[in-house]
Amino acid sequence: MGELTDNESGEIVNKPDQPDVEQDERGIPTDAEGVFSDSTVKQGNNEFPVFKCSKNEFYNNMQGGRKKMRFSSGSSIQQYMQKTKYNRPFYIEHTDTDGKTYRRRVK
Protein backbone atom coordinates (compact mmCIF):
# COMPACT_ATOMS: atom_id res chain seq x y z
CA MET A 1 0.00 0.00 0.00
CA GLY A 2 1.10 3.54 -0.53
CA GLU A 3 1.62 5.81 2.40
CA LEU A 4 0.03 9.17 3.05
CA THR A 5 2.38 12.06 3.77
CA ASP A 6 1.99 15.78 4.41
CA ASN A 7 3.68 18.19 2.05
CA GLU A 8 4.73 21.77 2.85
CA SER A 9 1.28 23.23 2.15
CA GLY A 10 -0.38 20.89 4.65
CA GLU A 11 -2.16 18.78 2.03
CA ILE A 12 -2.11 15.01 2.33
CA VAL A 13 -0.42 13.42 -0.66
CA ASN A 14 -0.57 9.74 -1.58
CA LYS A 15 2.98 8.43 -2.01
CA PRO A 16 3.18 5.43 -4.40
CA ASP A 17 4.80 2.16 -3.36
CA GLN A 18 8.39 1.46 -4.29
CA PRO A 19 8.78 -1.27 -6.94
CA ASP A 20 10.05 -4.66 -5.76
CA VAL A 21 12.87 -4.73 -8.32
CA GLU A 22 14.92 -1.59 -8.76
CA GLN A 23 15.32 -0.99 -12.49
CA ASP A 24 18.44 0.92 -13.34
CA GLU A 25 18.76 2.93 -16.56
CA ARG A 26 21.01 0.07 -17.71
CA GLY A 27 18.28 -2.51 -17.10
CA ILE A 28 17.31 -5.07 -14.50
CA PRO A 29 20.14 -6.56 -12.40
CA THR A 30 20.76 -10.28 -12.93
CA ASP A 31 22.32 -12.95 -10.74
CA ALA A 32 25.68 -12.29 -12.45
CA GLU A 33 27.51 -9.32 -10.95
CA GLY A 34 27.58 -6.23 -13.16
CA VAL A 35 25.27 -7.64 -15.87
CA PHE A 36 21.86 -6.11 -16.58
CA SER A 37 19.03 -7.68 -18.60
CA ASP A 38 16.29 -5.97 -20.59
CA SER A 39 13.44 -7.79 -18.80
CA THR A 40 12.66 -11.00 -16.93
CA VAL A 41 10.45 -14.05 -17.39
CA LYS A 42 8.92 -15.69 -14.34
CA GLN A 43 8.17 -19.42 -14.44
CA GLY A 44 6.91 -20.78 -11.15
CA ASN A 45 9.34 -19.70 -8.44
CA ASN A 46 12.18 -19.05 -10.91
CA GLU A 47 12.99 -15.80 -12.71
CA PHE A 48 15.08 -15.83 -15.87
CA PRO A 49 16.71 -12.79 -17.52
CA VAL A 50 15.70 -11.78 -21.05
CA PHE A 51 18.24 -10.11 -23.34
CA LYS A 52 17.40 -8.35 -26.60
CA CYS A 53 19.58 -9.24 -29.57
CA SER A 54 19.80 -8.56 -33.29
CA LYS A 55 18.08 -10.64 -35.95
CA ASN A 56 21.38 -12.19 -37.07
CA GLU A 57 22.37 -13.21 -33.53
CA PHE A 58 18.90 -14.65 -32.89
CA TYR A 59 18.73 -16.81 -36.03
CA ASN A 60 22.43 -17.72 -36.45
CA ASN A 61 22.43 -19.38 -33.04
CA MET A 62 19.60 -21.69 -34.14
CA GLN A 63 21.72 -23.63 -36.64
CA GLY A 64 21.72 -27.36 -35.94
CA GLY A 65 25.48 -27.98 -36.23
CA ARG A 66 26.53 -25.14 -33.96
CA LYS A 67 28.04 -26.37 -30.69
CA LYS A 68 28.69 -23.02 -29.03
CA MET A 69 26.45 -19.96 -28.86
CA ARG A 70 28.02 -16.87 -30.40
CA PHE A 71 27.12 -13.31 -29.43
CA SER A 72 28.91 -10.03 -30.07
CA SER A 73 31.88 -9.40 -27.82
CA GLY A 74 31.13 -7.16 -24.84
CA SER A 75 27.35 -7.49 -25.12
CA SER A 76 25.32 -8.15 -21.98
CA ILE A 77 24.43 -11.63 -23.30
CA GLN A 78 28.08 -12.56 -23.74
CA GLN A 79 28.99 -11.19 -20.31
CA TYR A 80 26.14 -13.14 -18.65
CA MET A 81 27.20 -16.39 -20.31
CA GLN A 82 30.82 -15.84 -19.32
CA LYS A 83 30.11 -14.93 -15.67
CA THR A 84 27.70 -17.84 -15.17
CA LYS A 85 30.12 -20.25 -16.88
CA TYR A 86 27.52 -21.18 -19.53
CA ASN A 87 25.43 -23.09 -16.95
CA ARG A 88 22.36 -20.94 -16.24
CA PRO A 89 19.34 -20.68 -18.54
CA PHE A 90 18.21 -17.35 -19.96
CA TYR A 91 16.11 -15.99 -22.83
CA ILE A 92 17.00 -14.05 -25.96
CA GLU A 93 14.44 -11.86 -27.69
CA HIS A 94 14.17 -10.34 -31.15
CA THR A 95 11.51 -7.95 -32.49
CA ASP A 96 11.07 -7.91 -36.27
CA THR A 97 10.09 -4.94 -38.45
CA ASP A 98 6.37 -5.80 -38.13
CA GLY A 99 6.56 -5.46 -34.35
CA LYS A 100 6.22 -9.19 -33.66
CA THR A 101 8.45 -10.40 -30.82
CA TYR A 102 10.19 -13.77 -30.83
CA ARG A 103 11.63 -15.23 -27.63
CA ARG A 104 13.81 -18.30 -27.23
CA ARG A 105 15.14 -20.08 -24.17
CA VAL A 106 18.87 -20.79 -24.11
CA LYS A 107 20.02 -23.85 -22.09
C-alpha atoms as a PDB file:
ATOM      1  CA  MET A   1       0.000   0.000   0.000  1.00  0.00           C
ATOM      2  CA  GLY A   2       1.098   3.537  -0.532  1.00  0.00           C
ATOM      3  CA  GLU A   3       1.618   5.814   2.403  1.00  0.00           C
ATOM      4  CA  LEU A   4       0.027   9.167   3.052  1.00  0.00           C
ATOM      5  CA  THR A   5       2.377  12.057   3.768  1.00  0.00           C
ATOM      6  CA  ASP A   6       1.988  15.781   4.410  1.00  0.00           C
ATOM      7  CA  ASN A   7       3.680  18.186   2.052  1.00  0.00           C
ATOM      8  CA  GLU A   8       4.727  21.767   2.847  1.00  0.00           C
ATOM      9  CA  SER A   9       1.282  23.231   2.148  1.00  0.00           C
ATOM     10  CA  GLY A  10      -0.380  20.890   4.651  1.00  0.00           C
ATOM     11  CA  GLU A  11      -2.160  18.778   2.029  1.00  0.00           C
ATOM     12  CA  ILE A  12      -2.113  15.011   2.334  1.00  0.00           C
ATOM     13  CA  VAL A  13      -0.424  13.420  -0.664  1.00  0.00           C
ATOM     14  CA  ASN A  14      -0.572   9.737  -1.584  1.00  0.00           C
ATOM     15  CA  LYS A  15       2.978   8.434  -2.006  1.00  0.00           C
ATOM     16  CA  PRO A  16       3.177   5.427  -4.403  1.00  0.00           C
ATOM     17  CA  ASP A  17       4.800   2.155  -3.360  1.00  0.00           C
ATOM     18  CA  GLN A  18       8.387   1.463  -4.293  1.00  0.00           C
ATOM     19  CA  PRO A  19       8.778  -1.268  -6.937  1.00  0.00           C
ATOM     20  CA  ASP A  20      10.050  -4.661  -5.755  1.00  0.00           C
ATOM     21  CA  VAL A  21      12.869  -4.728  -8.321  1.00  0.00           C
ATOM     22  CA  GLU A  22      14.919  -1.585  -8.756  1.00  0.00           C
ATOM     23  CA  GLN A  23      15.324  -0.986 -12.493  1.00  0.00           C
ATOM     24  CA  ASP A  24      18.445   0.921 -13.343  1.00  0.00           C
ATOM     25  CA  GLU A  25      18.762   2.929 -16.565  1.00  0.00           C
ATOM     26  CA  ARG A  26      21.011   0.072 -17.712  1.00  0.00           C
ATOM     27  CA  GLY A  27      18.284  -2.512 -17.101  1.00  0.00           C
ATOM     28  CA  ILE A  28      17.309  -5.072 -14.497  1.00  0.00           C
ATOM     29  CA  PRO A  29      20.138  -6.558 -12.397  1.00  0.00           C
ATOM     30  CA  THR A  30      20.764 -10.281 -12.933  1.00  0.00           C
ATOM     31  CA  ASP A  31      22.320 -12.947 -10.735  1.00  0.00           C
ATOM     32  CA  ALA A  32      25.677 -12.294 -12.453  1.00  0.00           C
ATOM     33  CA  GLU A  33      27.512  -9.325 -10.947  1.00  0.00           C
ATOM     34  CA  GLY A  34      27.585  -6.230 -13.159  1.00  0.00           C
ATOM     35  CA  VAL A  35      25.272  -7.642 -15.867  1.00  0.00           C
ATOM     36  CA  PHE A  36      21.858  -6.112 -16.579  1.00  0.00           C
ATOM     37  CA  SER A  37      19.026  -7.685 -18.598  1.00  0.00           C
ATOM     38  CA  ASP A  38      16.286  -5.965 -20.591  1.00  0.00           C
ATOM     39  CA  SER A  39      13.439  -7.787 -18.803  1.00  0.00           C
ATOM     40  CA  THR A  40      12.659 -11.004 -16.927  1.00  0.00           C
ATOM     41  CA  VAL A  41      10.445 -14.052 -17.390  1.00  0.00           C
ATOM     42  CA  LYS A  42       8.916 -15.694 -14.337  1.00  0.00           C
ATOM     43  CA  GLN A  43       8.173 -19.416 -14.443  1.00  0.00           C
ATOM     44  CA  GLY A  44       6.908 -20.780 -11.153  1.00  0.00           C
ATOM     45  CA  ASN A  45       9.344 -19.700  -8.443  1.00  0.00           C
ATOM     46  CA  ASN A  46      12.176 -19.048 -10.913  1.00  0.00           C
ATOM     47  CA  GLU A  47      12.993 -15.802 -12.713  1.00  0.00           C
ATOM     48  CA  PHE A  48      15.077 -15.825 -15.874  1.00  0.00           C
ATOM     49  CA  PRO A  49      16.714 -12.788 -17.516  1.00  0.00           C
ATOM     50  CA  VAL A  50      15.701 -11.778 -21.048  1.00  0.00           C
ATOM     51  CA  PHE A  51      18.239 -10.111 -23.341  1.00  0.00           C
ATOM     52  CA  LYS A  52      17.396  -8.350 -26.603  1.00  0.00           C
ATOM     53  CA  CYS A  53      19.584  -9.244 -29.573  1.00  0.00           C
ATOM     54  CA  SER A  54      19.799  -8.563 -33.290  1.00  0.00           C
ATOM     55  CA  LYS A  55      18.081 -10.643 -35.947  1.00  0.00           C
ATOM     56  CA  ASN A  56      21.376 -12.191 -37.066  1.00  0.00           C
ATOM     57  CA  GLU A  57      22.369 -13.212 -33.528  1.00  0.00           C
ATOM     58  CA  PHE A  58      18.904 -14.652 -32.885  1.00  0.00           C
ATOM     59  CA  TYR A  59      18.728 -16.812 -36.034  1.00  0.00           C
ATOM     60  CA  ASN A  60      22.431 -17.716 -36.447  1.00  0.00           C
ATOM     61  CA  ASN A  61      22.434 -19.381 -33.037  1.00  0.00           C
ATOM     62  CA  MET A  62      19.601 -21.686 -34.138  1.00  0.00           C
ATOM     63  CA  GLN A  63      21.723 -23.628 -36.636  1.00  0.00           C
ATOM     64  CA  GLY A  64      21.721 -27.360 -35.944  1.00  0.00           C
ATOM     65  CA  GLY A  65      25.477 -27.980 -36.235  1.00  0.00           C
ATOM     66  CA  ARG A  66      26.531 -25.140 -33.956  1.00  0.00           C
ATOM     67  CA  LYS A  67      28.045 -26.373 -30.693  1.00  0.00           C
ATOM     68  CA  LYS A  68      28.693 -23.017 -29.032  1.00  0.00           C
ATOM     69  CA  MET A  69      26.449 -19.960 -28.865  1.00  0.00           C
ATOM     70  CA  ARG A  70      28.023 -16.874 -30.404  1.00  0.00           C
ATOM     71  CA  PHE A  71      27.116 -13.310 -29.433  1.00  0.00           C
ATOM     72  CA  SER A  72      28.911 -10.028 -30.075  1.00  0.00           C
ATOM     73  CA  SER A  73      31.880  -9.396 -27.818  1.00  0.00           C
ATOM     74  CA  GLY A  74      31.132  -7.159 -24.844  1.00  0.00           C
ATOM     75  CA  SER A  75      27.350  -7.489 -25.118  1.00  0.00           C
ATOM     76  CA  SER A  76      25.319  -8.146 -21.977  1.00  0.00           C
ATOM     77  CA  ILE A  77      24.432 -11.630 -23.295  1.00  0.00           C
ATOM     78  CA  GLN A  78      28.078 -12.565 -23.741  1.00  0.00           C
ATOM     79  CA  GLN A  79      28.990 -11.192 -20.308  1.00  0.00           C
ATOM     80  CA  TYR A  80      26.142 -13.137 -18.649  1.00  0.00           C
ATOM     81  CA  MET A  81      27.198 -16.390 -20.307  1.00  0.00           C
ATOM     82  CA  GLN A  82      30.821 -15.840 -19.323  1.00  0.00           C
ATOM     83  CA  LYS A  83      30.108 -14.928 -15.674  1.00  0.00           C
ATOM     84  CA  THR A  84      27.696 -17.839 -15.172  1.00  0.00           C
ATOM     85  CA  LYS A  85      30.122 -20.251 -16.878  1.00  0.00           C
ATOM     86  CA  TYR A  86      27.523 -21.176 -19.526  1.00  0.00           C
ATOM     87  CA  ASN A  87      25.425 -23.089 -16.955  1.00  0.00           C
ATOM     88  CA  ARG A  88      22.362 -20.937 -16.245  1.00  0.00           C
ATOM     89  CA  PRO A  89      19.343 -20.684 -18.541  1.00  0.00           C
ATOM     90  CA  PHE A  90      18.209 -17.346 -19.960  1.00  0.00           C
ATOM     91  CA  TYR A  91      16.107 -15.991 -22.829  1.00  0.00           C
ATOM     92  CA  ILE A  92      17.000 -14.047 -25.956  1.00  0.00           C
ATOM     93  CA  GLU A  93      14.445 -11.857 -27.687  1.00  0.00           C
ATOM     94  CA  HIS A  94      14.165 -10.336 -31.148  1.00  0.00           C
ATOM     95  CA  THR A  95      11.508  -7.950 -32.491  1.00  0.00           C
ATOM     96  CA  ASP A  96      11.070  -7.909 -36.271  1.00  0.00           C
ATOM     97  CA  THR A  97      10.090  -4.944 -38.451  1.00  0.00           C
ATOM     98  CA  ASP A  98       6.369  -5.801 -38.127  1.00  0.00           C
ATOM     99  CA  GLY A  99       6.558  -5.462 -34.345  1.00  0.00           C
ATOM    100  CA  LYS A 100       6.216  -9.193 -33.656  1.00  0.00           C
ATOM    101  CA  THR A 101       8.449 -10.399 -30.817  1.00  0.00           C
ATOM    102  CA  TYR A 102      10.190 -13.774 -30.833  1.00  0.00           C
ATOM    103  CA  ARG A 103      11.629 -15.234 -27.634  1.00  0.00           C
ATOM    104  CA  ARG A 104      13.807 -18.299 -27.233  1.00  0.00           C
ATOM    105  CA  ARG A 105      15.139 -20.084 -24.166  1.00  0.00           C
ATOM    106  CA  VAL A 106      18.873 -20.786 -24.107  1.00  0.00           C
ATOM    107  CA  LYS A 107      20.020 -23.847 -22.092  1.00  0.00           C
END
